[in-house]
Amino acid sequence: MSYTCGEVCQRIDEYSPPHLALEGDPIGLHLGSYDQKVSRLFMALELTPQAAREAFAFQPDMVFVHHTPFFKPFKQLREDYGHDRIVLELIRRGIALYTAHTNLDCVKNGVNDVLAELLGIENTKILQPLNQNISYAGLGRIGALKQPMTLAEFAAFAAQKLGTSQVRYCGEREKQVSTVACCGGAGAFLMTEAKAKGADVYVTSDISHHEGVHAIELGLGLVDGGHFATENPVISVVAAYLKEQMPDLTVAVSSVSGNPFQTL
């Protein structure tokens, strides 16, 4: 049995409603038609060249990603450019492409709730609600750590839970950590909010030198877990939901890392 692309999109929209996306965020169906048949769905944080090869080997009818190649407008579509070539191949093969980005960050059981659960954070609250009218969704989470520990211990614990050796942290090694805030992806803009709401440590990614210095000035422990590692866990969660909702849909989750960095 196959579903229509529109039916798959509807299920994804029920999980991460489009109206929760931040203004200007390009989400939704970027390639394909709502009417086309879908029996095989490939899911990844984004279509890196490695993930794209994996996707094409799977021969999907549709691809779901968190990071769309359409985030910025294309000025050309060329075979010798990485993202261009991937988009052209999707078109040639008739593969639909769907994106849920900041709506998946903000929603309950989205990027940030999955990250918080992975890190053992309990009784979570939203760090920055979307607005006064939408207080049930927003960016970041904050709550209590199941087992208090030192900052150095927590950084090692976070690395183990995120499955990465590329964790960096700022702050006093022996600082006691019991209240933790987190934001998957690039969340340095929420550091002050995390501190104001009582966080001992803030887990996010893509931290610059000056942001690290600022965290130390604030007296806030800071753990940079990497963009890929802090966001990718949600993909398997959404995949499990879709398998439950659409049992005849064959779903594959990318097994390759989309992390562009290696550690010496």
Protein backbone atom coordinates (compact mmCIF):
# COMPACT_ATOMS: atom_id res chain seq x y z
CA MET A 1 0.00 0.00 0.00
CA SER A 2 1.15 3.54 -0.70
CA TYR A 3 0.03 6.87 0.67
CA THR A 4 -0.10 10.23 -1.05
CA CYS A 5 2.59 12.78 -0.33
CA GLY A 6 -0.17 15.01 1.04
CA GLU A 7 -1.15 12.36 3.58
CA VAL A 8 2.45 12.04 4.79
CA CYS A 9 2.75 15.84 5.00
CA GLN A 10 -0.47 15.98 7.00
CA ARG A 11 0.88 13.54 9.58
CA ILE A 12 4.11 15.51 9.90
CA ASP A 13 2.13 18.74 10.26
CA GLU A 14 0.09 17.17 13.05
CA TYR A 15 3.34 16.41 14.89
CA SER A 16 4.98 19.80 14.24
CA PRO A 17 2.29 22.32 13.21
CA PRO A 18 3.55 24.79 10.58
CA HIS A 19 2.13 27.80 12.45
CA LEU A 20 4.76 27.23 15.15
CA ALA A 21 7.62 28.02 12.73
CA LEU A 22 9.43 31.31 13.18
CA GLU A 23 8.59 34.05 10.71
CA GLY A 24 10.38 33.65 7.39
CA ASP A 25 11.46 30.06 8.03
CA PRO A 26 11.10 28.06 4.77
CA ILE A 27 9.25 24.89 5.77
CA GLY A 28 6.82 22.48 4.16
CA LEU A 29 6.85 20.74 0.79
CA HIS A 30 9.72 22.09 -1.30
CA LEU A 31 9.77 19.58 -4.13
CA GLY A 32 7.13 17.29 -5.56
CA SER A 33 3.34 17.16 -5.52
CA TYR A 34 0.82 16.45 -2.78
CA ASP A 35 -0.81 13.97 -5.17
CA GLN A 36 2.20 11.77 -5.84
CA LYS A 37 2.34 8.29 -4.33
CA VAL A 38 4.68 7.64 -1.40
CA SER A 39 5.54 4.19 -0.08
CA ARG A 40 9.18 4.81 0.93
CA LEU A 41 10.30 7.74 3.11
CA PHE A 42 13.92 8.64 3.92
CA MET A 43 14.61 10.88 6.94
CA ALA A 44 17.75 12.84 7.87
CA LEU A 45 18.77 15.98 9.70
CA GLU A 46 19.90 17.30 6.32
CA LEU A 47 20.97 16.02 2.94
CA THR A 48 24.73 16.17 3.16
CA PRO A 49 26.48 14.48 0.19
CA GLN A 50 26.91 11.33 2.31
CA ALA A 51 23.26 11.32 3.44
CA ALA A 52 22.12 12.00 -0.13
CA ARG A 53 24.02 8.94 -1.39
CA GLU A 54 22.40 6.88 1.35
CA ALA A 55 18.98 8.28 0.42
CA PHE A 56 19.33 7.55 -3.29
CA ALA A 57 20.46 3.98 -2.53
CA PHE A 58 17.26 3.54 -0.50
CA GLN A 59 15.20 4.75 -3.50
CA PRO A 60 12.63 6.80 -1.60
CA ASP A 61 9.56 8.47 -2.98
CA MET A 62 9.94 11.24 -0.40
CA VAL A 63 12.64 12.73 1.83
CA PHE A 64 12.10 14.50 5.15
CA VAL A 65 14.80 16.84 6.51
CA HIS A 66 15.15 19.34 9.35
CA HIS A 67 17.65 21.54 7.46
CA THR A 68 16.39 22.33 3.98
CA PRO A 69 18.68 23.07 1.02
CA PHE A 70 16.15 25.83 0.29
CA PHE A 71 16.99 27.81 3.44
CA LYS A 72 18.48 30.50 1.23
CA PRO A 73 17.20 31.22 -2.28
CA PHE A 74 19.11 29.48 -5.08
CA LYS A 75 20.81 31.83 -7.53
CA GLN A 76 21.56 28.97 -9.88
CA LEU A 77 21.19 25.18 -10.15
CA ARG A 78 24.50 23.71 -11.28
CA GLU A 79 25.76 20.16 -11.47
CA ASP A 80 29.15 21.17 -10.07
CA TYR A 81 27.75 22.68 -6.84
CA GLY A 82 27.04 20.37 -3.89
CA HIS A 83 23.54 21.39 -2.78
CA ASP A 84 22.56 22.25 -6.35
CA ARG A 85 23.52 18.78 -7.55
CA ILE A 86 21.51 17.10 -4.77
CA VAL A 87 18.40 19.16 -5.55
CA LEU A 88 18.72 18.43 -9.26
CA GLU A 89 19.00 14.71 -8.54
CA LEU A 90 15.89 14.82 -6.35
CA ILE A 91 14.02 16.47 -9.22
CA ARG A 92 15.31 13.99 -11.79
CA ARG A 93 14.22 11.06 -9.65
CA GLY A 94 10.83 12.58 -8.83
CA ILE A 95 11.50 12.53 -5.09
CA ALA A 96 9.40 14.83 -2.93
CA LEU A 97 11.22 16.92 -0.30
CA TYR A 98 9.62 18.10 2.93
CA THR A 99 11.09 20.23 5.73
CA ALA A 100 10.07 20.85 9.35
CA HIS A 101 12.54 23.28 10.93
CA THR A 102 11.78 25.79 13.71
CA ASN A 103 8.28 24.34 14.12
CA LEU A 104 9.98 21.05 15.04
CA ASP A 105 12.30 22.97 17.41
CA CYS A 106 9.41 24.65 19.22
CA VAL A 107 6.78 21.92 19.46
CA LYS A 108 6.20 19.53 22.35
CA ASN A 109 8.25 16.35 21.78
CA GLY A 110 10.33 18.19 19.21
CA VAL A 111 14.06 18.90 19.08
CA ASN A 112 14.31 20.50 22.51
CA ASP A 113 12.13 18.08 24.46
CA VAL A 114 14.00 15.13 22.95
CA LEU A 115 17.32 16.77 23.86
CA ALA A 116 16.17 17.52 27.41
CA GLU A 117 15.02 13.93 27.94
CA LEU A 118 18.30 12.62 26.56
CA LEU A 119 20.19 14.78 29.06
CA GLY A 120 18.10 13.56 32.00
CA ILE A 121 16.35 16.89 32.60
CA GLU A 122 13.09 16.57 34.54
CA ASN A 123 10.08 18.86 35.08
CA THR A 124 10.99 20.86 32.01
CA LYS A 125 9.60 24.25 31.12
CA ILE A 126 9.95 26.25 27.91
CA LEU A 127 12.90 28.60 28.04
CA GLN A 128 11.47 31.16 25.57
CA PRO A 129 7.77 30.75 24.66
CA LEU A 130 6.85 31.78 21.12
CA ASN A 131 4.64 34.64 22.31
CA GLN A 132 1.87 35.53 24.75
CA ASN A 133 -0.72 33.75 22.62
CA ILE A 134 1.38 30.60 22.17
CA SER A 135 2.83 29.76 25.59
CA TYR A 136 2.70 25.98 25.05
CA ALA A 137 5.53 25.97 22.50
CA GLY A 138 8.84 27.74 22.12
CA LEU A 139 12.61 27.57 22.00
CA GLY A 140 14.79 25.85 24.59
CA ARG A 141 13.91 23.93 27.72
CA ILE A 142 14.94 24.22 31.39
CA GLY A 143 14.51 21.85 34.30
CA ALA A 144 16.14 19.84 37.06
CA LEU A 145 18.87 17.30 36.51
CA LYS A 146 17.98 13.84 37.80
CA GLN A 147 21.36 13.53 39.51
CA PRO A 148 23.32 16.70 40.42
CA MET A 149 26.99 16.60 39.45
CA THR A 150 29.97 18.84 38.76
CA LEU A 151 30.20 20.76 35.49
CA ALA A 152 33.08 18.56 34.31
CA GLU A 153 31.08 15.43 35.13
CA PHE A 154 28.03 16.83 33.36
CA ALA A 155 30.02 17.70 30.23
CA ALA A 156 31.29 14.10 30.08
CA PHE A 157 27.76 12.82 30.73
CA ALA A 158 26.37 15.01 27.92
CA ALA A 159 29.04 13.75 25.50
CA GLN A 160 28.10 10.16 26.30
CA LYS A 161 24.36 10.77 25.92
CA LEU A 162 24.82 12.71 22.66
CA GLY A 163 27.16 10.08 21.28
CA THR A 164 29.91 12.54 20.40
CA SER A 165 33.54 13.18 21.34
CA GLN A 166 33.35 16.82 20.29
CA VAL A 167 31.80 18.41 23.38
CA ARG A 168 33.36 21.67 24.61
CA TYR A 169 32.51 23.40 27.88
CA CYS A 170 33.14 26.69 29.67
CA GLY A 171 33.14 27.34 33.42
CA GLU A 172 34.58 26.04 36.66
CA ARG A 173 35.13 22.28 36.54
CA GLU A 174 33.88 21.73 40.11
CA LYS A 175 30.82 23.98 39.78
CA GLN A 176 27.76 22.07 41.02
CA VAL A 177 25.10 21.55 38.39
CA SER A 178 21.47 20.83 39.22
CA THR A 179 19.39 23.10 36.97
CA VAL A 180 20.02 22.64 33.25
CA ALA A 181 18.80 24.61 30.23
CA CYS A 182 19.19 23.40 26.68
CA CYS A 183 18.52 24.44 23.11
CA GLY A 184 19.29 22.19 20.16
CA GLY A 185 21.30 23.80 17.38
CA ALA A 186 22.69 27.33 17.53
CA GLY A 187 21.19 28.75 20.73
CA ALA A 188 23.73 31.22 22.09
CA PHE A 189 21.08 33.97 21.90
CA LEU A 190 19.28 32.31 24.84
CA MET A 191 22.24 32.32 27.24
CA THR A 192 21.06 35.36 29.22
CA GLU A 193 17.53 33.93 29.38
CA ALA A 194 18.91 30.62 30.70
CA LYS A 195 20.89 32.41 33.41
CA ALA A 196 17.94 34.64 34.39
CA LYS A 197 15.74 31.56 34.84
CA GLY A 198 18.22 29.91 37.19
CA ALA A 199 20.22 27.55 34.99
CA ASP A 200 23.56 26.37 36.34
CA VAL A 201 24.56 25.16 32.88
CA TYR A 202 23.27 25.69 29.36
CA VAL A 203 23.64 23.08 26.61
CA THR A 204 23.56 24.26 23.00
CA SER A 205 25.95 24.46 20.01
CA ASP A 206 27.96 26.68 17.67
CA ILE A 207 29.39 28.76 20.53
CA SER A 208 31.94 31.41 19.57
CA HIS A 209 34.96 32.54 21.60
CA HIS A 210 33.25 35.75 22.71
CA GLU A 211 30.08 33.90 23.69
CA GLY A 212 32.16 31.55 25.82
CA VAL A 213 33.76 34.52 27.57
CA HIS A 214 30.31 36.04 28.12
CA ALA A 215 29.05 32.81 29.72
CA ILE A 216 31.95 32.87 32.16
CA GLU A 217 31.16 36.52 32.96
CA LEU A 218 27.57 35.51 33.67
CA GLY A 219 28.70 32.68 35.93
CA LEU A 220 26.86 30.25 33.66
CA GLY A 221 28.31 26.86 32.80
CA LEU A 222 28.17 26.28 29.07
CA VAL A 223 28.29 23.00 27.13
CA ASP A 224 28.64 23.04 23.35
CA GLY A 225 27.47 19.64 22.15
CA GLY A 226 27.65 20.38 18.43
CA HIS A 227 24.84 21.28 16.04
CA PHE A 228 24.34 17.80 14.63
CA ALA A 229 24.49 15.95 17.95
CA THR A 230 22.00 18.24 19.72
CA GLU A 231 19.40 18.12 16.92
CA ASN A 232 19.69 14.75 15.21
CA PRO A 233 18.05 12.62 17.97
CA VAL A 234 14.63 14.02 17.09
CA ILE A 235 14.69 12.41 13.63
CA SER A 236 14.33 8.89 15.03
CA VAL A 237 11.50 10.06 17.30
CA VAL A 238 9.52 11.53 14.39
CA ALA A 239 10.25 8.39 12.35
CA ALA A 240 8.78 6.20 15.10
CA TYR A 241 5.67 8.38 15.16
CA LEU A 242 5.19 8.11 11.40
CA LYS A 243 5.66 4.34 11.47
CA GLU A 244 2.95 4.10 14.10
CA GLN A 245 0.58 6.42 12.24
CA MET A 246 1.25 4.98 8.78
CA PRO A 247 2.15 1.30 9.23
CA ASP A 248 2.38 0.59 5.49
CA LEU A 249 4.97 3.32 4.98
CA THR A 250 8.56 2.05 4.74
CA VAL A 251 10.69 4.53 6.69
CA ALA A 252 14.51 4.72 6.79
CA VAL A 253 16.51 7.03 9.04
CA SER A 254 19.94 8.12 7.89
CA SER A 255 22.72 6.17 9.59
CA VAL A 256 25.53 8.50 8.53
CA SER A 257 26.65 11.45 10.60
CA GLY A 258 25.87 14.86 9.23
CA ASN A 259 28.59 16.39 11.39
CA PRO A 260 31.07 18.12 9.05
CA PHE A 261 33.79 18.23 11.74
CA GLN A 262 36.32 15.65 12.80
CA THR A 263 38.40 15.65 15.98
CA LEU A 264 42.15 15.08 15.99
